[in-house]
Amino acid sequence: MKNHRVVTLTAAILLSASLLAPSVRAADANADGIMMHDGKMMTMKDGKATGPMENSMTMSNGATVTSDGTVKMKDGTETHMTDGQMMMMDGHMMKGGNSGMMDRGSTGGMNH
């Protein structure tokens, strides 16, 4: 009976520790793309800024992003990225650099 209590207590402690630990999402750790930060476009590799964006980039969905943050979709529609927005290399837009995708209606059709 004493061993059962020790095992139960150990399991409860490990479960509590795992729930309290900061969550790290795989999508954040492997985030490659571009991000608007303080009004400047930055390139991102593995979720970390690697430097300023110097040239336009075309994403795999056909969207082209310029170094001033203008996004031109394959269908010709245009929008401008705002601080905290990140576009992944596949063309999906994220808010605040986290892996929660923005609502489909709020990105000007960028989530395809």
PDB file of N, CA and C in Angstrom:
ATOM      1  N   MET A   1       0.827  -1.192   0.000  1.00  0.00           N
ATOM      2  CA  MET A   1       0.000   0.000   0.000  1.00  0.00           C
ATOM      3  C   MET A   1       0.869   1.253   0.000  1.00  0.00           C
ATOM      4  N   LYS A   2       2.004   1.189   0.718  1.00  0.00           N
ATOM      5  CA  LYS A   2       2.905   2.331   0.792  1.00  0.00           C
ATOM      6  C   LYS A   2       3.520   2.619  -0.579  1.00  0.00           C
ATOM      7  N   ASN A   3       3.869   1.568  -1.315  1.00  0.00           N
ATOM      8  CA  ASN A   3       4.435   1.740  -2.654  1.00  0.00           C
ATOM      9  C   ASN A   3       3.423   2.377  -3.600  1.00  0.00           C
ATOM     10  N   HIS A   4       2.162   1.996  -3.451  1.00  0.00           N
ATOM     11  CA  HIS A   4       1.098   2.557  -4.282  1.00  0.00           C
ATOM     12  C   HIS A   4       1.001   4.074  -4.078  1.00  0.00           C
ATOM     13  N   ARG A   5       1.106   4.528  -2.845  1.00  0.00           N
ATOM     14  CA  ARG A   5       1.058   5.969  -2.546  1.00  0.00           C
ATOM     15  C   ARG A   5       2.250   6.690  -3.165  1.00  0.00           C
ATOM     16  N   VAL A   6       3.423   6.098  -3.077  1.00  0.00           N
ATOM     17  CA  VAL A   6       4.634   6.708  -3.640  1.00  0.00           C
ATOM     18  C   VAL A   6       4.505   6.833  -5.157  1.00  0.00           C
ATOM     19  N   VAL A   7       4.027   5.784  -5.787  1.00  0.00           N
ATOM     20  CA  VAL A   7       3.855   5.805  -7.242  1.00  0.00           C
ATOM     21  C   VAL A   7       2.813   6.854  -7.636  1.00  0.00           C
ATOM     22  N   THR A   8       1.704   6.887  -6.923  1.00  0.00           N
ATOM     23  CA  THR A   8       0.647   7.859  -7.220  1.00  0.00           C
ATOM     24  C   THR A   8       1.146   9.284  -7.015  1.00  0.00           C
ATOM     25  N   LEU A   9       1.857   9.532  -5.916  1.00  0.00           N
ATOM     26  CA  LEU A   9       2.400  10.865  -5.633  1.00  0.00           C
ATOM     27  C   LEU A   9       3.413  11.270  -6.699  1.00  0.00           C
ATOM     28  N   THR A  10       4.281  10.351  -7.103  1.00  0.00           N
ATOM     29  CA  THR A  10       5.273  10.637  -8.142  1.00  0.00           C
ATOM     30  C   THR A  10       4.596  10.970  -9.465  1.00  0.00           C
ATOM     31  N   ALA A  11       3.583  10.209  -9.804  1.00  0.00           N
ATOM     32  CA  ALA A  11       2.850  10.468 -11.047  1.00  0.00           C
ATOM     33  C   ALA A  11       2.168  11.829 -10.996  1.00  0.00           C
ATOM     34  N   ALA A  12       1.586  12.170  -9.865  1.00  0.00           N
ATOM     35  CA  ALA A  12       0.922  13.466  -9.721  1.00  0.00           C
ATOM     36  C   ALA A  12       1.917  14.613  -9.838  1.00  0.00           C
ATOM     37  N   ILE A  13       3.091  14.464  -9.261  1.00  0.00           N
ATOM     38  CA  ILE A  13       4.128  15.509  -9.336  1.00  0.00           C
ATOM     39  C   ILE A  13       4.600  15.678 -10.782  1.00  0.00           C
ATOM     40  N   LEU A  14       4.850  14.574 -11.470  1.00  0.00           N
ATOM     41  CA  LEU A  14       5.311  14.654 -12.859  1.00  0.00           C
ATOM     42  C   LEU A  14       4.247  15.272 -13.762  1.00  0.00           C
ATOM     43  N   LEU A  15       2.996  14.912 -13.537  1.00  0.00           N
ATOM     44  CA  LEU A  15       1.917  15.485 -14.326  1.00  0.00           C
ATOM     45  C   LEU A  15       1.807  16.986 -14.076  1.00  0.00           C
ATOM     46  N   SER A  16       1.882  17.387 -12.819  1.00  0.00           N
ATOM     47  CA  SER A  16       1.809  18.817 -12.485  1.00  0.00           C
ATOM     48  C   SER A  16       2.966  19.585 -13.113  1.00  0.00           C
ATOM     49  N   ALA A  17       4.157  19.020 -13.053  1.00  0.00           N
ATOM     50  CA  ALA A  17       5.321  19.691 -13.631  1.00  0.00           C
ATOM     51  C   ALA A  17       5.179  19.851 -15.134  1.00  0.00           C
ATOM     52  N   SER A  18       4.642  18.832 -15.796  1.00  0.00           N
ATOM     53  CA  SER A  18       4.483  18.929 -17.251  1.00  0.00           C
ATOM     54  C   SER A  18       3.427  19.956 -17.633  1.00  0.00           C
ATOM     55  N   LEU A  19       2.401  20.109 -16.825  1.00  0.00           N
ATOM     56  CA  LEU A  19       1.358  21.087 -17.120  1.00  0.00           C
ATOM     57  C   LEU A  19       1.823  22.516 -16.855  1.00  0.00           C
ATOM     58  N   LEU A  20       2.736  22.691 -15.908  1.00  0.00           N
ATOM     59  CA  LEU A  20       3.217  24.025 -15.568  1.00  0.00           C
ATOM     60  C   LEU A  20       4.378  24.482 -16.450  1.00  0.00           C
ATOM     61  N   ALA A  21       5.048  23.556 -17.099  1.00  0.00           N
ATOM     62  CA  ALA A  21       6.181  23.897 -17.965  1.00  0.00           C
ATOM     63  C   ALA A  21       5.683  24.682 -19.161  1.00  0.00           C
ATOM     64  N   PRO A  22       6.490  25.647 -19.649  1.00  0.00           N
ATOM     65  CA  PRO A  22       6.069  26.395 -20.840  1.00  0.00           C
ATOM     66  C   PRO A  22       5.915  25.467 -22.025  1.00  0.00           C
ATOM     67  N   SER A  23       4.842  25.679 -22.771  1.00  0.00           N
ATOM     68  CA  SER A  23       4.616  24.813 -23.920  1.00  0.00           C
ATOM     69  C   SER A  23       5.405  25.324 -25.111  1.00  0.00           C
ATOM     70  N   VAL A  24       6.064  24.425 -25.788  1.00  0.00           N
ATOM     71  CA  VAL A  24       6.817  24.748 -26.991  1.00  0.00           C
ATOM     72  C   VAL A  24       6.176  23.983 -28.123  1.00  0.00           C
ATOM     73  N   ARG A  25       5.777  24.681 -29.135  1.00  0.00           N
ATOM     74  CA  ARG A  25       5.135  24.035 -30.277  1.00  0.00           C
ATOM     75  C   ARG A  25       6.160  23.803 -31.369  1.00  0.00           C
ATOM     76  N   ALA A  26       6.053  22.663 -32.000  1.00  0.00           N
ATOM     77  CA  ALA A  26       7.002  22.311 -33.063  1.00  0.00           C
ATOM     78  C   ALA A  26       6.951  23.319 -34.190  1.00  0.00           C
ATOM     79  N   ALA A  27       5.777  23.860 -34.488  1.00  0.00           N
ATOM     80  CA  ALA A  27       5.665  24.824 -35.579  1.00  0.00           C
ATOM     81  C   ALA A  27       6.446  26.089 -35.279  1.00  0.00           C
ATOM     82  N   ASP A  28       6.503  26.498 -34.001  1.00  0.00           N
ATOM     83  CA  ASP A  28       7.257  27.688 -33.634  1.00  0.00           C
ATOM     84  C   ASP A  28       8.758  27.446 -33.769  1.00  0.00           C
ATOM     85  N   ALA A  29       9.217  26.265 -33.345  1.00  0.00           N
ATOM     86  CA  ALA A  29      10.635  25.965 -33.363  1.00  0.00           C
ATOM     87  C   ALA A  29      11.157  25.812 -34.787  1.00  0.00           C
ATOM     88  N   ASN A  30      10.299  25.425 -35.719  1.00  0.00           N
ATOM     89  CA  ASN A  30      10.732  25.205 -37.092  1.00  0.00           C
ATOM     90  C   ASN A  30      10.178  26.265 -38.030  1.00  0.00           C
ATOM     91  N   ALA A  31       9.883  27.440 -37.497  1.00  0.00           N
ATOM     92  CA  ALA A  31       9.234  28.479 -38.283  1.00  0.00           C
ATOM     93  C   ALA A  31      10.230  29.152 -39.224  1.00  0.00           C
ATOM     94  N   ASP A  32      10.034  28.949 -40.515  1.00  0.00           N
ATOM     95  CA  ASP A  32      10.801  29.635 -41.545  1.00  0.00           C
ATOM     96  C   ASP A  32       9.844  30.546 -42.286  1.00  0.00           C
ATOM     97  N   GLY A  33      10.232  31.778 -42.459  1.00  0.00           N
ATOM     98  CA  GLY A  33       9.386  32.726 -43.171  1.00  0.00           C
ATOM     99  C   GLY A  33       9.902  34.140 -42.995  1.00  0.00           C
ATOM    100  N   ILE A  34       8.969  35.074 -42.988  1.00  0.00           N
ATOM    101  CA  ILE A  34       9.305  36.479 -42.811  1.00  0.00           C
ATOM    102  C   ILE A  34       8.340  37.092 -41.812  1.00  0.00           C
ATOM    103  N   MET A  35       8.804  38.141 -41.128  1.00  0.00           N
ATOM    104  CA  MET A  35       7.986  38.750 -40.089  1.00  0.00           C
ATOM    105  C   MET A  35       8.173  40.255 -40.091  1.00  0.00           C
ATOM    106  N   MET A  36       7.079  40.972 -39.870  1.00  0.00           N
ATOM    107  CA  MET A  36       7.146  42.417 -39.702  1.00  0.00           C
ATOM    108  C   MET A  36       7.454  42.687 -38.228  1.00  0.00           C
ATOM    109  N   HIS A  37       8.561  43.363 -37.965  1.00  0.00           N
ATOM    110  CA  HIS A  37       8.973  43.672 -36.599  1.00  0.00           C
ATOM    111  C   HIS A  37       9.447  45.117 -36.537  1.00  0.00           C
ATOM    112  N   ASP A  38       8.785  45.915 -35.722  1.00  0.00           N
ATOM    113  CA  ASP A  38       9.116  47.341 -35.590  1.00  0.00           C
ATOM    114  C   ASP A  38       9.142  48.051 -36.944  1.00  0.00           C
ATOM    115  N   GLY A  39       8.188  47.701 -37.805  1.00  0.00           N
ATOM    116  CA  GLY A  39       8.070  48.348 -39.099  1.00  0.00           C
ATOM    117  C   GLY A  39       9.061  47.878 -40.145  1.00  0.00           C
ATOM    118  N   LYS A  40       9.837  46.848 -39.822  1.00  0.00           N
ATOM    119  CA  LYS A  40      10.830  46.324 -40.769  1.00  0.00           C
ATOM    120  C   LYS A  40      10.560  44.847 -40.996  1.00  0.00           C
ATOM    121  N   MET A  41      10.774  44.406 -42.218  1.00  0.00           N
ATOM    122  CA  MET A  41      10.610  43.000 -42.552  1.00  0.00           C
ATOM    123  C   MET A  41      11.900  42.250 -42.204  1.00  0.00           C
ATOM    124  N   MET A  42      11.721  41.148 -41.462  1.00  0.00           N
ATOM    125  CA  MET A  42      12.854  40.331 -41.038  1.00  0.00           C
ATOM    126  C   MET A  42      12.671  38.912 -41.562  1.00  0.00           C
ATOM    127  N   THR A  43      13.773  38.275 -41.966  1.00  0.00           N
ATOM    128  CA  THR A  43      13.709  36.875 -42.358  1.00  0.00           C
ATOM    129  C   THR A  43      13.818  36.026 -41.090  1.00  0.00           C
ATOM    130  N   MET A  44      13.105  34.884 -41.086  1.00  0.00           N
ATOM    131  CA  MET A  44      13.074  34.001 -39.927  1.00  0.00           C
ATOM    132  C   MET A  44      13.539  32.605 -40.336  1.00  0.00           C
ATOM    133  N   LYS A  45      14.364  32.009 -39.517  1.00  0.00           N
ATOM    134  CA  LYS A  45      14.826  30.630 -39.726  1.00  0.00           C
ATOM    135  C   LYS A  45      14.738  29.917 -38.386  1.00  0.00           C
ATOM    136  N   ASP A  46      14.039  28.798 -38.357  1.00  0.00           N
ATOM    137  CA  ASP A  46      13.842  28.033 -37.126  1.00  0.00           C
ATOM    138  C   ASP A  46      13.274  28.893 -36.002  1.00  0.00           C
ATOM    139  N   GLY A  47      12.396  29.836 -36.365  1.00  0.00           N
ATOM    140  CA  GLY A  47      11.732  30.668 -35.375  1.00  0.00           C
ATOM    141  C   GLY A  47      12.543  31.837 -34.859  1.00  0.00           C
ATOM    142  N   LYS A  48      13.727  32.080 -35.431  1.00  0.00           N
ATOM    143  CA  LYS A  48      14.590  33.169 -34.980  1.00  0.00           C
ATOM    144  C   LYS A  48      14.878  34.118 -36.133  1.00  0.00           C
ATOM    145  N   ALA A  49      14.914  35.420 -35.832  1.00  0.00           N
ATOM    146  CA  ALA A  49      15.228  36.412 -36.860  1.00  0.00           C
ATOM    147  C   ALA A  49      16.669  36.229 -37.304  1.00  0.00           C
ATOM    148  N   THR A  50      16.871  36.203 -38.623  1.00  0.00           N
ATOM    149  CA  THR A  50      18.226  36.029 -39.157  1.00  0.00           C
ATOM    150  C   THR A  50      18.754  37.302 -39.801  1.00  0.00           C
ATOM    151  N   GLY A  51      17.911  38.308 -39.951  1.00  0.00           N
ATOM    152  CA  GLY A  51      18.365  39.565 -40.518  1.00  0.00           C
ATOM    153  C   GLY A  51      17.257  40.242 -41.301  1.00  0.00           C
ATOM    154  N   PRO A  52      17.544  41.441 -41.772  1.00  0.00           N
ATOM    155  CA  PRO A  52      16.523  42.174 -42.521  1.00  0.00           C
ATOM    156  C   PRO A  52      16.267  41.523 -43.879  1.00  0.00           C
ATOM    157  N   MET A  53      15.031  41.606 -44.315  1.00  0.00           N
ATOM    158  CA  MET A  53      14.646  41.102 -45.633  1.00  0.00           C
ATOM    159  C   MET A  53      15.126  42.123 -46.661  1.00  0.00           C
ATOM    160  N   GLU A  54      15.929  41.680 -47.602  1.00  0.00           N
ATOM    161  CA  GLU A  54      16.503  42.606 -48.568  1.00  0.00           C
ATOM    162  C   GLU A  54      15.841  42.538 -49.939  1.00  0.00           C
ATOM    163  N   ASN A  55      15.305  41.396 -50.309  1.00  0.00           N
ATOM    164  CA  ASN A  55      14.696  41.208 -51.624  1.00  0.00           C
ATOM    165  C   ASN A  55      13.293  40.649 -51.479  1.00  0.00           C
ATOM    166  N   SER A  56      12.479  40.827 -52.505  1.00  0.00           N
ATOM    167  CA  SER A  56      11.144  40.235 -52.518  1.00  0.00           C
ATOM    168  C   SER A  56      11.259  38.722 -52.461  1.00  0.00           C
ATOM    169  N   MET A  57      10.249  38.091 -51.854  1.00  0.00           N
ATOM    170  CA  MET A  57      10.218  36.632 -51.756  1.00  0.00           C
ATOM    171  C   MET A  57       8.881  36.131 -52.269  1.00  0.00           C
ATOM    172  N   THR A  58       8.915  35.024 -52.993  1.00  0.00           N
ATOM    173  CA  THR A  58       7.685  34.385 -53.456  1.00  0.00           C
ATOM    174  C   THR A  58       7.496  33.108 -52.659  1.00  0.00           C
ATOM    175  N   MET A  59       6.320  33.003 -52.032  1.00  0.00           N
ATOM    176  CA  MET A  59       6.000  31.848 -51.207  1.00  0.00           C
ATOM    177  C   MET A  59       5.470  30.720 -52.084  1.00  0.00           C
ATOM    178  N   SER A  60       5.378  29.526 -51.524  1.00  0.00           N
ATOM    179  CA  SER A  60       4.968  28.365 -52.325  1.00  0.00           C
ATOM    180  C   SER A  60       3.524  28.459 -52.814  1.00  0.00           C
ATOM    181  N   ASN A  61       2.684  29.311 -52.187  1.00  0.00           N
ATOM    182  CA  ASN A  61       1.302  29.469 -52.662  1.00  0.00           C
ATOM    183  C   ASN A  61       1.186  30.550 -53.735  1.00  0.00           C
ATOM    184  N   GLY A  62       2.324  31.143 -54.150  1.00  0.00           N
ATOM    185  CA  GLY A  62       2.328  32.163 -55.189  1.00  0.00           C
ATOM    186  C   GLY A  62       2.309  33.587 -54.679  1.00  0.00           C
ATOM    187  N   ALA A  63       2.146  33.790 -53.374  1.00  0.00           N
ATOM    188  CA  ALA A  63       2.162  35.141 -52.807  1.00  0.00           C
ATOM    189  C   ALA A  63       3.580  35.701 -52.877  1.00  0.00           C
ATOM    190  N   THR A  64       3.678  36.988 -53.234  1.00  0.00           N
ATOM    191  CA  THR A  64       4.967  37.666 -53.256  1.00  0.00           C
ATOM    192  C   THR A  64       4.955  38.727 -52.166  1.00  0.00           C
ATOM    193  N   VAL A  65       6.032  38.756 -51.365  1.00  0.00           N
ATOM    194  CA  VAL A  65       6.147  39.723 -50.284  1.00  0.00           C
ATOM    195  C   VAL A  65       7.364  40.582 -50.554  1.00  0.00           C
ATOM    196  N   THR A  66       7.172  41.917 -50.513  1.00  0.00           N
ATOM    197  CA  THR A  66       8.285  42.836 -50.741  1.00  0.00           C
ATOM    198  C   THR A  66       8.908  43.235 -49.410  1.00  0.00           C
ATOM    199  N   SER A  67      10.071  43.859 -49.477  1.00  0.00           N
ATOM    200  CA  SER A  67      10.800  44.223 -48.266  1.00  0.00           C
ATOM    201  C   SER A  67      10.115  45.319 -47.462  1.00  0.00           C
ATOM    202  N   ASP A  68       9.083  45.970 -48.013  1.00  0.00           N
ATOM    203  CA  ASP A  68       8.325  46.959 -47.224  1.00  0.00           C
ATOM    204  C   ASP A  68       7.078  46.339 -46.594  1.00  0.00           C
ATOM    205  N   GLY A  69       6.859  45.028 -46.793  1.00  0.00           N
ATOM    206  CA  GLY A  69       5.732  44.333 -46.181  1.00  0.00           C
ATOM    207  C   GLY A  69       4.500  44.234 -47.046  1.00  0.00           C
ATOM    208  N   THR A  70       4.587  44.677 -48.287  1.00  0.00           N
ATOM    209  CA  THR A  70       3.452  44.542 -49.197  1.00  0.00           C
ATOM    210  C   THR A  70       3.349  43.098 -49.648  1.00  0.00           C
ATOM    211  N   VAL A  71       2.141  42.544 -49.544  1.00  0.00           N
ATOM    212  CA  VAL A  71       1.889  41.164 -49.944  1.00  0.00           C
ATOM    213  C   VAL A  71       0.972  41.192 -51.159  1.00  0.00           C
ATOM    214  N   LYS A  72       1.427  40.607 -52.255  1.00  0.00           N
ATOM    215  CA  LYS A  72       0.618  40.498 -53.463  1.00  0.00           C
ATOM    216  C   LYS A  72       0.323  39.025 -53.679  1.00  0.00           C
ATOM    217  N   MET A  73      -0.980  38.701 -53.598  1.00  0.00           N
ATOM    218  CA  MET A  73      -1.405  37.324 -53.757  1.00  0.00           C
ATOM    219  C   MET A  73      -1.382  36.929 -55.232  1.00  0.00           C
ATOM    220  N   LYS A  74      -1.411  35.641 -55.480  1.00  0.00           N
ATOM    221  CA  LYS A  74      -1.395  35.107 -56.836  1.00  0.00           C
ATOM    222  C   LYS A  74      -2.555  35.654 -57.665  1.00  0.00           C
ATOM    223  N   ASP A  75      -3.710  35.920 -57.006  1.00  0.00           N
ATOM    224  CA  ASP A  75      -4.878  36.442 -57.725  1.00  0.00           C
ATOM    225  C   ASP A  75      -4.822  37.955 -57.934  1.00  0.00           C
ATOM    226  N   GLY A  76      -3.731  38.599 -57.494  1.00  0.00           N
ATOM    227  CA  GLY A  76      -3.541  40.030 -57.714  1.00  0.00           C
ATOM    228  C   GLY A  76      -3.940  40.921 -56.548  1.00  0.00           C
ATOM    229  N   THR A  77      -4.643  40.386 -55.545  1.00  0.00           N
ATOM    230  CA  THR A  77      -5.018  41.212 -54.399  1.00  0.00           C
ATOM    231  C   THR A  77      -3.776  41.573 -53.594  1.00  0.00           C
ATOM    232  N   GLU A  78      -3.806  42.758 -52.995  1.00  0.00           N
ATOM    233  CA  GLU A  78      -2.671  43.235 -52.212  1.00  0.00           C
ATOM    234  C   GLU A  78      -3.100  43.613 -50.807  1.00  0.00           C
ATOM    235  N   THR A  79      -2.182  43.443 -49.873  1.00  0.00           N
ATOM    236  CA  THR A  79      -2.365  43.880 -48.498  1.00  0.00           C
ATOM    237  C   THR A  79      -0.991  44.242 -47.956  1.00  0.00           C
ATOM    238  N   HIS A  80      -0.958  44.749 -46.737  1.00  0.00           N
ATOM    239  CA  HIS A  80       0.312  45.118 -46.124  1.00  0.00           C
ATOM    240  C   HIS A  80       0.410  44.453 -44.765  1.00  0.00           C
ATOM    241  N   MET A  81       1.542  43.846 -44.483  1.00  0.00           N
ATOM    242  CA  MET A  81       1.734  43.191 -43.193  1.00  0.00           C
ATOM    243  C   MET A  81       1.874  44.240 -42.097  1.00  0.00           C
ATOM    244  N   THR A  82       1.405  43.899 -40.894  1.00  0.00           N
ATOM    245  CA  THR A  82       1.528  44.790 -39.742  1.00  0.00           C
ATOM    246  C   THR A  82       2.457  44.157 -38.712  1.00  0.00           C
ATOM    247  N   ASP A  83       2.908  44.958 -37.756  1.00  0.00           N
ATOM    248  CA  ASP A  83       3.830  44.457 -36.734  1.00  0.00           C
ATOM    249  C   ASP A  83       3.296  43.197 -36.071  1.00  0.00           C
ATOM    250  N   GLY A  84       4.161  42.206 -35.965  1.00  0.00           N
ATOM    251  CA  GLY A  84       3.813  40.948 -35.322  1.00  0.00           C
ATOM    252  C   GLY A  84       3.320  39.888 -36.280  1.00  0.00           C
ATOM    253  N   GLN A  85       2.957  40.258 -37.496  1.00  0.00           N
ATOM    254  CA  GLN A  85       2.505  39.253 -38.452  1.00  0.00           C
ATOM    255  C   GLN A  85       3.705  38.540 -39.054  1.00  0.00           C
ATOM    256  N   MET A  86       3.534  37.239 -39.241  1.00  0.00           N
ATOM    257  CA  MET A  86       4.578  36.423 -39.853  1.00  0.00           C
ATOM    258  C   MET A  86       3.962  35.602 -40.958  1.00  0.00           C
ATOM    259  N   MET A  87       4.635  35.540 -42.088  1.00  0.00           N
ATOM    260  CA  MET A  87       4.188  34.688 -43.182  1.00  0.00           C
ATOM    261  C   MET A  87       5.177  33.545 -43.321  1.00  0.00           C
ATOM    262  N   MET A  88       4.618  32.337 -43.267  1.00  0.00           N
ATOM    263  CA  MET A  88       5.428  31.143 -43.432  1.00  0.00           C
ATOM    264  C   MET A  88       5.773  30.985 -44.909  1.00  0.00           C
ATOM    265  N   MET A  89       6.742  30.151 -45.212  1.00  0.00           N
ATOM    266  CA  MET A  89       7.183  29.953 -46.590  1.00  0.00           C
ATOM    267  C   MET A  89       6.085  29.360 -47.472  1.00  0.00           C
ATOM    268  N   ASP A  90       5.091  28.728 -46.861  1.00  0.00           N
ATOM    269  CA  ASP A  90       3.988  28.182 -47.653  1.00  0.00           C
ATOM    270  C   ASP A  90       2.890  29.214 -47.905  1.00  0.00           C
ATOM    271  N   GLY A  91       3.054  30.429 -47.363  1.00  0.00           N
ATOM    272  CA  GLY A  91       2.087  31.491 -47.591  1.00  0.00           C
ATOM    273  C   GLY A  91       1.066  31.662 -46.485  1.00  0.00           C
ATOM    274  N   HIS A  92       1.085  30.825 -45.475  1.00  0.00           N
ATOM    275  CA  HIS A  92       0.158  30.973 -44.351  1.00  0.00           C
ATOM    276  C   HIS A  92       0.618  32.115 -43.458  1.00  0.00           C
ATOM    277  N   MET A  93      -0.329  32.949 -43.054  1.00  0.00           N
ATOM    278  CA  MET A  93      -0.048  34.092 -42.208  1.00  0.00           C
ATOM    279  C   MET A  93      -0.308  33.736 -40.751  1.00  0.00           C
ATOM    280  N   MET A  94       0.589  34.161 -39.885  1.00  0.00           N
ATOM    281  CA  MET A  94       0.421  33.949 -38.451  1.00  0.00           C
ATOM    282  C   MET A  94       0.461  35.299 -37.743  1.00  0.00           C
ATOM    283  N   LYS A  95      -0.250  35.393 -36.643  1.00  0.00           N
ATOM    284  CA  LYS A  95      -0.265  36.609 -35.846  1.00  0.00           C
ATOM    285  C   LYS A  95       0.699  36.465 -34.683  1.00  0.00           C
ATOM    286  N   GLY A  96       1.547  37.471 -34.476  1.00  0.00           N
ATOM    287  CA  GLY A  96       2.398  37.490 -33.295  1.00  0.00           C
ATOM    288  C   GLY A  96       3.481  36.440 -33.268  1.00  0.00           C
ATOM    289  N   GLY A  97       3.747  35.761 -34.390  1.00  0.00           N
ATOM    290  CA  GLY A  97       4.822  34.779 -34.444  1.00  0.00           C
ATOM    291  C   GLY A  97       4.507  33.488 -33.727  1.00  0.00           C
ATOM    292  N   ASN A  98       3.236  33.261 -33.321  1.00  0.00           N
ATOM    293  CA  ASN A  98       2.918  31.985 -32.702  1.00  0.00           C
ATOM    294  C   ASN A  98       2.194  31.106 -33.705  1.00  0.00           C
ATOM    295  N   SER A  99       2.032  29.878 -33.345  1.00  0.00           N
ATOM    296  CA  SER A  99       1.508  28.944 -34.331  1.00  0.00           C
ATOM    297  C   SER A  99      -0.008  28.981 -34.465  1.00  0.00           C
ATOM    298  N   GLY A 100      -0.697  29.839 -33.744  1.00  0.00           N
ATOM    299  CA  GLY A 100      -2.138  29.964 -33.928  1.00  0.00           C
ATOM    300  C   GLY A 100      -2.419  30.730 -35.204  1.00  0.00           C
ATOM    301  N   MET A 101      -2.957  30.066 -36.196  1.00  0.00           N
ATOM    302  CA  MET A 101      -3.226  30.727 -37.470  1.00  0.00           C
ATOM    303  C   MET A 101      -4.294  31.792 -37.297  1.00  0.00           C
ATOM    304  N   MET A 102      -4.140  32.872 -38.023  1.00  0.00           N
ATOM    305  CA  MET A 102      -5.126  33.939 -37.977  1.00  0.00           C
ATOM    306  C   MET A 102      -6.427  33.444 -38.589  1.00  0.00           C
ATOM    307  N   ASP A 103      -7.523  34.076 -38.218  1.00  0.00           N
ATOM    308  CA  ASP A 103      -8.810  33.719 -38.798  1.00  0.00           C
ATOM    309  C   ASP A 103      -8.752  33.888 -40.304  1.00  0.00           C
ATOM    310  N   ARG A 104      -9.400  33.005 -41.020  1.00  0.00           N
ATOM    311  CA  ARG A 104      -9.358  33.038 -42.488  1.00  0.00           C
ATOM    312  C   ARG A 104      -9.824  34.365 -43.047  1.00  0.00           C
ATOM    313  N   GLY A 105     -10.817  34.976 -42.452  1.00  0.00           N
ATOM    314  CA  GLY A 105     -11.354  36.221 -42.995  1.00  0.00           C
ATOM    315  C   GLY A 105     -10.486  37.424 -42.737  1.00  0.00           C
ATOM    316  N   SER A 106      -9.530  37.354 -41.809  1.00  0.00           N
ATOM    317  CA  SER A 106      -8.776  38.538 -41.424  1.00  0.00           C
ATOM    318  C   SER A 106      -7.454  38.696 -42.151  1.00  0.00           C
ATOM    319  N   THR A 107      -7.111  37.789 -43.052  1.00  0.00           N
ATOM    320  CA  THR A 107      -5.810  37.865 -43.717  1.00  0.00           C
ATOM    321  C   THR A 107      -5.905  38.280 -45.171  1.00  0.00           C
ATOM    322  N   GLY A 108      -7.059  38.695 -45.595  1.00  0.00           N
ATOM    323  CA  GLY A 108      -7.207  39.071 -46.993  1.00  0.00           C
ATOM    324  C   GLY A 108      -7.088  37.872 -47.912  1.00  0.00           C
ATOM    325  N   GLY A 109      -7.444  36.699 -47.408  1.00  0.00           N
ATOM    326  CA  GLY A 109      -7.418  35.499 -48.242  1.00  0.00           C
ATOM    327  C   GLY A 109      -6.074  34.828 -48.305  1.00  0.00           C
ATOM    328  N   MET A 110      -5.184  35.088 -47.346  1.00  0.00           N
ATOM    329  CA  MET A 110      -3.853  34.518 -47.398  1.00  0.00           C
ATOM    330  C   MET A 110      -3.792  33.083 -46.913  1.00  0.00           C
ATOM    331  N   ASN A 111      -4.760  32.623 -46.150  1.00  0.00           N
ATOM    332  CA  ASN A 111      -4.752  31.239 -45.703  1.00  0.00           C
ATOM    333  C   ASN A 111      -5.450  30.370 -46.730  1.00  0.00           C
ATOM    334  N   HIS A 112      -4.683  29.720 -47.564  1.00  0.00           N
ATOM    335  CA  HIS A 112      -5.241  28.854 -48.607  1.00  0.00           C
ATOM    336  C   HIS A 112      -4.958  27.429 -48.260  1.00  0.00           C
TER     337      HIS A 112
END
